[in-house]
Amino acid sequence: SVPATADTAGFTRQVDAAATGAGVTL
């Protein structure tokens, strides 16, 4: 939830998964 690094790549994967699950286009 609150990592020790920025981890933008991991957050990008999270956004992709949410967009796919909701059926929207990022």
PDB file of all heavy atoms in Angstrom:
ATOM      1  N   SER A   1       0.821  -1.206   0.000  1.00  0.00           N
ATOM      2  CA  SER A   1       0.000   0.000   0.000  1.00  0.00           C
ATOM      3  C   SER A   1       0.855   1.256   0.000  1.00  0.00           C
ATOM      4  O   SER A   1       0.598   2.205  -0.747  1.00  0.00           O
ATOM      5  CB  SER A   1      -0.934  -0.008   1.207  1.00  0.00           C
ATOM      6  OG  SER A   1      -1.717   1.153   1.258  1.00  0.00           O
ATOM      7  N   VAL A   2       1.875   1.275   0.850  1.00  0.00           N
ATOM      8  CA  VAL A   2       2.795   2.420   0.928  1.00  0.00           C
ATOM      9  C   VAL A   2       4.209   1.865   0.880  1.00  0.00           C
ATOM     10  O   VAL A   2       4.788   1.549   1.928  1.00  0.00           O
ATOM     11  CB  VAL A   2       2.561   3.250   2.205  1.00  0.00           C
ATOM     12  CG1 VAL A   2       3.473   4.474   2.205  1.00  0.00           C
ATOM     13  CG2 VAL A   2       1.114   3.676   2.328  1.00  0.00           C
ATOM     14  N   PRO A   3       4.785   1.712  -0.307  1.00  0.00           N
ATOM     15  CA  PRO A   3       6.105   1.078  -0.422  1.00  0.00           C
ATOM     16  C   PRO A   3       7.223   2.034  -0.014  1.00  0.00           C
ATOM     17  O   PRO A   3       6.999   3.228   0.236  1.00  0.00           O
ATOM     18  CB  PRO A   3       6.187   0.727  -1.905  1.00  0.00           C
ATOM     19  CG  PRO A   3       5.321   1.741  -2.579  1.00  0.00           C
ATOM     20  CD  PRO A   3       4.200   2.034  -1.626  1.00  0.00           C
ATOM     21  N   ALA A   4       8.432   1.477   0.020  1.00  0.00           N
ATOM     22  CA  ALA A   4       9.608   2.269   0.379  1.00  0.00           C
ATOM     23  C   ALA A   4      10.250   2.931  -0.836  1.00  0.00           C
ATOM     24  O   ALA A   4      11.184   3.712  -0.679  1.00  0.00           O
ATOM     25  CB  ALA A   4      10.634   1.390   1.092  1.00  0.00           C
ATOM     26  N   THR A   5       9.768   2.626  -2.034  1.00  0.00           N
ATOM     27  CA  THR A   5      10.269   3.258  -3.256  1.00  0.00           C
ATOM     28  C   THR A   5       9.086   3.757  -4.068  1.00  0.00           C
ATOM     29  O   THR A   5       7.932   3.373  -3.812  1.00  0.00           O
ATOM     30  CB  THR A   5      11.083   2.266  -4.100  1.00  0.00           C
ATOM     31  OG1 THR A   5      10.246   1.152  -4.456  1.00  0.00           O
ATOM     32  CG2 THR A   5      12.299   1.763  -3.324  1.00  0.00           C
ATOM     33  N   ALA A   6       9.373   4.581  -5.070  1.00  0.00           N
ATOM     34  CA  ALA A   6       8.286   5.121  -5.893  1.00  0.00           C
ATOM     35  C   ALA A   6       7.555   4.023  -6.648  1.00  0.00           C
ATOM     36  O   ALA A   6       6.323   4.049  -6.766  1.00  0.00           O
ATOM     37  CB  ALA A   6       8.844   6.159  -6.877  1.00  0.00           C
ATOM     38  N   ASP A   7       8.267   3.038  -7.201  1.00  0.00           N
ATOM     39  CA  ASP A   7       7.684   1.874  -7.882  1.00  0.00           C
ATOM     40  C   ASP A   7       6.600   2.301  -8.877  1.00  0.00           C
ATOM     41  O   ASP A   7       5.464   1.833  -8.826  1.00  0.00           O
ATOM     42  CB  ASP A   7       7.113   0.894  -6.861  1.00  0.00           C
ATOM     43  CG  ASP A   7       6.748  -0.447  -7.503  1.00  0.00           C
ATOM     44  OD1 ASP A   7       7.252  -0.736  -8.602  1.00  0.00           O
ATOM     45  OD2 ASP A   7       5.930  -1.182  -6.914  1.00  0.00           O
ATOM     46  N   THR A   8       6.952   3.198  -9.776  1.00  0.00           N
ATOM     47  CA  THR A   8       5.982   3.654 -10.774  1.00  0.00           C
ATOM     48  C   THR A   8       5.591   2.532 -11.736  1.00  0.00           C
ATOM     49  O   THR A   8       4.461   2.505 -12.232  1.00  0.00           O
ATOM     50  CB  THR A   8       6.567   4.828 -11.563  1.00  0.00           C
ATOM     51  OG1 THR A   8       7.827   4.451 -12.131  1.00  0.00           O
ATOM     52  CG2 THR A   8       6.768   6.028 -10.655  1.00  0.00           C
ATOM     53  N   ALA A   9       6.510   1.589 -11.990  1.00  0.00           N
ATOM     54  CA  ALA A   9       6.184   0.480 -12.884  1.00  0.00           C
ATOM     55  C   ALA A   9       5.092  -0.399 -12.279  1.00  0.00           C
ATOM     56  O   ALA A   9       4.147  -0.810 -12.964  1.00  0.00           O
ATOM     57  CB  ALA A   9       7.433  -0.345 -13.176  1.00  0.00           C
ATOM     58  N   GLY A  10       5.205  -0.676 -10.980  1.00  0.00           N
ATOM     59  CA  GLY A  10       4.182  -1.470 -10.324  1.00  0.00           C
ATOM     60  C   GLY A  10       2.836  -0.764 -10.296  1.00  0.00           C
ATOM     61  O   GLY A  10       1.787  -1.387 -10.495  1.00  0.00           O
ATOM     62  N   PHE A  11       2.852   0.552 -10.067  1.00  0.00           N
ATOM     63  CA  PHE A  11       1.592   1.291 -10.067  1.00  0.00           C
ATOM     64  C   PHE A  11       0.990   1.342 -11.471  1.00  0.00           C
ATOM     65  O   PHE A  11      -0.233   1.317 -11.635  1.00  0.00           O
ATOM     66  CB  PHE A  11       1.819   2.712  -9.543  1.00  0.00           C
ATOM     67  CG  PHE A  11       0.558   3.514  -9.415  1.00  0.00           C
ATOM     68  CD1 PHE A  11      -0.335   3.273  -8.395  1.00  0.00           C
ATOM     69  CD2 PHE A  11       0.257   4.513 -10.330  1.00  0.00           C
ATOM     70  CE1 PHE A  11      -1.505   4.013  -8.266  1.00  0.00           C
ATOM     71  CE2 PHE A  11      -0.910   5.259 -10.219  1.00  0.00           C
ATOM     72  CZ  PHE A  11      -1.791   5.000  -9.178  1.00  0.00           C
ATOM     73  N   THR A  12       1.841   1.397 -12.487  1.00  0.00           N
ATOM     74  CA  THR A  12       1.341   1.381 -13.872  1.00  0.00           C
ATOM     75  C   THR A  12       0.624   0.075 -14.170  1.00  0.00           C
ATOM     76  O   THR A  12      -0.440   0.066 -14.801  1.00  0.00           O
ATOM     77  CB  THR A  12       2.515   1.591 -14.844  1.00  0.00           C
ATOM     78  OG1 THR A  12       3.141   2.847 -14.585  1.00  0.00           O
ATOM     79  CG2 THR A  12       2.025   1.569 -16.284  1.00  0.00           C
ATOM     80  N   ARG A  13       1.193  -1.034 -13.709  1.00  0.00           N
ATOM     81  CA  ARG A  13       0.516  -2.322 -13.890  1.00  0.00           C
ATOM     82  C   ARG A  13      -0.823  -2.349 -13.157  1.00  0.00           C
ATOM     83  O   ARG A  13      -1.800  -2.925 -13.647  1.00  0.00           O
ATOM     84  CB  ARG A  13       1.421  -3.460 -13.407  1.00  0.00           C
ATOM     85  CG  ARG A  13       2.636  -3.710 -14.299  1.00  0.00           C
ATOM     86  CD  ARG A  13       3.343  -4.990 -13.911  1.00  0.00           C
ATOM     87  NE  ARG A  13       3.918  -4.903 -12.575  1.00  0.00           N
ATOM     88  CZ  ARG A  13       5.151  -4.488 -12.304  1.00  0.00           C
ATOM     89  NH1 ARG A  13       5.945  -4.098 -13.297  1.00  0.00           N
ATOM     90  NH2 ARG A  13       5.598  -4.456 -11.067  1.00  0.00           N
ATOM     91  N   GLN A  14      -0.869  -1.724 -11.998  1.00  0.00           N
ATOM     92  CA  GLN A  14      -2.119  -1.652 -11.242  1.00  0.00           C
ATOM     93  C   GLN A  14      -3.174  -0.845 -12.008  1.00  0.00           C
ATOM     94  O   GLN A  14      -4.345  -1.228 -12.059  1.00  0.00           O
ATOM     95  CB  GLN A  14      -1.856  -1.011  -9.875  1.00  0.00           C
ATOM     96  CG  GLN A  14      -3.077  -0.783  -9.032  1.00  0.00           C
ATOM     97  CD  GLN A  14      -2.723  -0.217  -7.670  1.00  0.00           C
ATOM     98  OE1 GLN A  14      -1.903  -0.769  -6.939  1.00  0.00           O
ATOM     99  NE2 GLN A  14      -3.340   0.898  -7.314  1.00  0.00           N
ATOM    100  N   VAL A  15      -2.764   0.264 -12.617  1.00  0.00           N
ATOM    101  CA  VAL A  15      -3.692   1.078 -13.407  1.00  0.00           C
ATOM    102  C   VAL A  15      -4.181   0.292 -14.617  1.00  0.00           C
ATOM    103  O   VAL A  15      -5.374   0.324 -14.966  1.00  0.00           O
ATOM    104  CB  VAL A  15      -3.016   2.397 -13.838  1.00  0.00           C
ATOM    105  CG1 VAL A  15      -3.929   3.203 -14.754  1.00  0.00           C
ATOM    106  CG2 VAL A  15      -2.652   3.234 -12.613  1.00  0.00           C
ATOM    107  N   ASP A  16      -3.280  -0.423 -15.288  1.00  0.00           N
ATOM    108  CA  ASP A  16      -3.673  -1.244 -16.437  1.00  0.00           C
ATOM    109  C   ASP A  16      -4.705  -2.293 -16.036  1.00  0.00           C
ATOM    110  O   ASP A  16      -5.693  -2.520 -16.743  1.00  0.00           O
ATOM    111  CB  ASP A  16      -2.444  -1.914 -17.041  1.00  0.00           C
ATOM    112  CG  ASP A  16      -1.650  -0.969 -17.927  1.00  0.00           C
ATOM    113  OD1 ASP A  16      -2.237  -0.001 -18.424  1.00  0.00           O
ATOM    114  OD2 ASP A  16      -0.443  -1.202 -18.104  1.00  0.00           O
ATOM    115  N   ALA A  17      -4.470  -2.954 -14.894  1.00  0.00           N
ATOM    116  CA  ALA A  17      -5.397  -3.992 -14.442  1.00  0.00           C
ATOM    117  C   ALA A  17      -6.768  -3.394 -14.123  1.00  0.00           C
ATOM    118  O   ALA A  17      -7.810  -3.979 -14.451  1.00  0.00           O
ATOM    119  CB  ALA A  17      -4.829  -4.708 -13.220  1.00  0.00           C
ATOM    120  N   ALA A  18      -6.778  -2.222 -13.484  1.00  0.00           N
ATOM    121  CA  ALA A  18      -8.055  -1.580 -13.165  1.00  0.00           C
ATOM    122  C   ALA A  18      -8.788  -1.156 -14.428  1.00  0.00           C
ATOM    123  O   ALA A  18     -10.018  -1.288 -14.528  1.00  0.00           O
ATOM    124  CB  ALA A  18      -7.819  -0.375 -12.257  1.00  0.00           C
ATOM    125  N   ALA A  19      -8.054  -0.634 -15.423  1.00  0.00           N
ATOM    126  CA  ALA A  19      -8.680  -0.219 -16.677  1.00  0.00           C
ATOM    127  C   ALA A  19      -9.255  -1.424 -17.420  1.00  0.00           C
ATOM    128  O   ALA A  19     -10.372  -1.375 -17.956  1.00  0.00           O
ATOM    129  CB  ALA A  19      -7.671   0.514 -17.553  1.00  0.00           C
ATOM    130  N   THR A  20      -8.528  -2.530 -17.432  1.00  0.00           N
ATOM    131  CA  THR A  20      -9.015  -3.736 -18.099  1.00  0.00           C
ATOM    132  C   THR A  20     -10.253  -4.280 -17.395  1.00  0.00           C
ATOM    133  O   THR A  20     -11.234  -4.673 -18.037  1.00  0.00           O
ATOM    134  CB  THR A  20      -7.916  -4.804 -18.132  1.00  0.00           C
ATOM    135  OG1 THR A  20      -6.765  -4.280 -18.809  1.00  0.00           O
ATOM    136  CG2 THR A  20      -8.393  -6.054 -18.843  1.00  0.00           C
ATOM    137  N   GLY A  21     -10.227  -4.300 -16.061  1.00  0.00           N
ATOM    138  CA  GLY A  21     -11.363  -4.813 -15.317  1.00  0.00           C
ATOM    139  C   GLY A  21     -12.612  -3.959 -15.465  1.00  0.00           C
ATOM    140  O   GLY A  21     -13.733  -4.480 -15.483  1.00  0.00           O
ATOM    141  N   ALA A  22     -12.433  -2.635 -15.593  1.00  0.00           N
ATOM    142  CA  ALA A  22     -13.579  -1.737 -15.728  1.00  0.00           C
ATOM    143  C   ALA A  22     -14.034  -1.582 -17.170  1.00  0.00           C
ATOM    144  O   ALA A  22     -15.092  -0.993 -17.431  1.00  0.00           O
ATOM    145  CB  ALA A  22     -13.240  -0.360 -15.144  1.00  0.00           C
ATOM    146  N   GLY A  23     -13.243  -2.044 -18.122  1.00  0.00           N
ATOM    147  CA  GLY A  23     -13.605  -1.936 -19.527  1.00  0.00           C
ATOM    148  C   GLY A  23     -13.392  -0.552 -20.107  1.00  0.00           C
ATOM    149  O   GLY A  23     -14.070  -0.162 -21.065  1.00  0.00           O
ATOM    150  N   VAL A  24     -12.448   0.215 -19.564  1.00  0.00           N
ATOM    151  CA  VAL A  24     -12.147   1.545 -20.086  1.00  0.00           C
ATOM    152  C   VAL A  24     -10.808   1.498 -20.801  1.00  0.00           C
ATOM    153  O   VAL A  24     -10.031   0.546 -20.654  1.00  0.00           O
ATOM    154  CB  VAL A  24     -12.125   2.599 -18.952  1.00  0.00           C
ATOM    155  CG1 VAL A  24     -13.467   2.651 -18.241  1.00  0.00           C
ATOM    156  CG2 VAL A  24     -11.008   2.298 -17.953  1.00  0.00           C
ATOM    157  N   THR A  25     -10.528   2.548 -21.563  1.00  0.00           N
ATOM    158  CA  THR A  25      -9.274   2.639 -22.310  1.00  0.00           C
ATOM    159  C   THR A  25      -8.376   3.681 -21.655  1.00  0.00           C
ATOM    160  O   THR A  25      -8.756   4.856 -21.536  1.00  0.00           O
ATOM    161  CB  THR A  25      -9.527   3.033 -23.769  1.00  0.00           C
ATOM    162  OG1 THR A  25     -10.388   2.057 -24.373  1.00  0.00           O
ATOM    163  CG2 THR A  25      -8.223   3.093 -24.554  1.00  0.00           C
ATOM    164  N   LEU A  26      -7.215   3.248 -21.223  1.00  0.00           N
ATOM    165  CA  LEU A  26      -6.259   4.157 -20.613  1.00  0.00           C
ATOM    166  C   LEU A  26      -5.563   4.962 -21.703  1.00  0.00           C
ATOM    167  O   LEU A  26      -4.978   4.408 -22.621  1.00  0.00           O
ATOM    168  CB  LEU A  26      -5.229   3.373 -19.795  1.00  0.00           C
ATOM    169  CG  LEU A  26      -4.140   4.182 -19.097  1.00  0.00           C
ATOM    170  CD1 LEU A  26      -4.730   5.092 -18.047  1.00  0.00           C
ATOM    171  CD2 LEU A  26      -3.133   3.218 -18.458  1.00  0.00           C
TER     172      LEU A  26
END
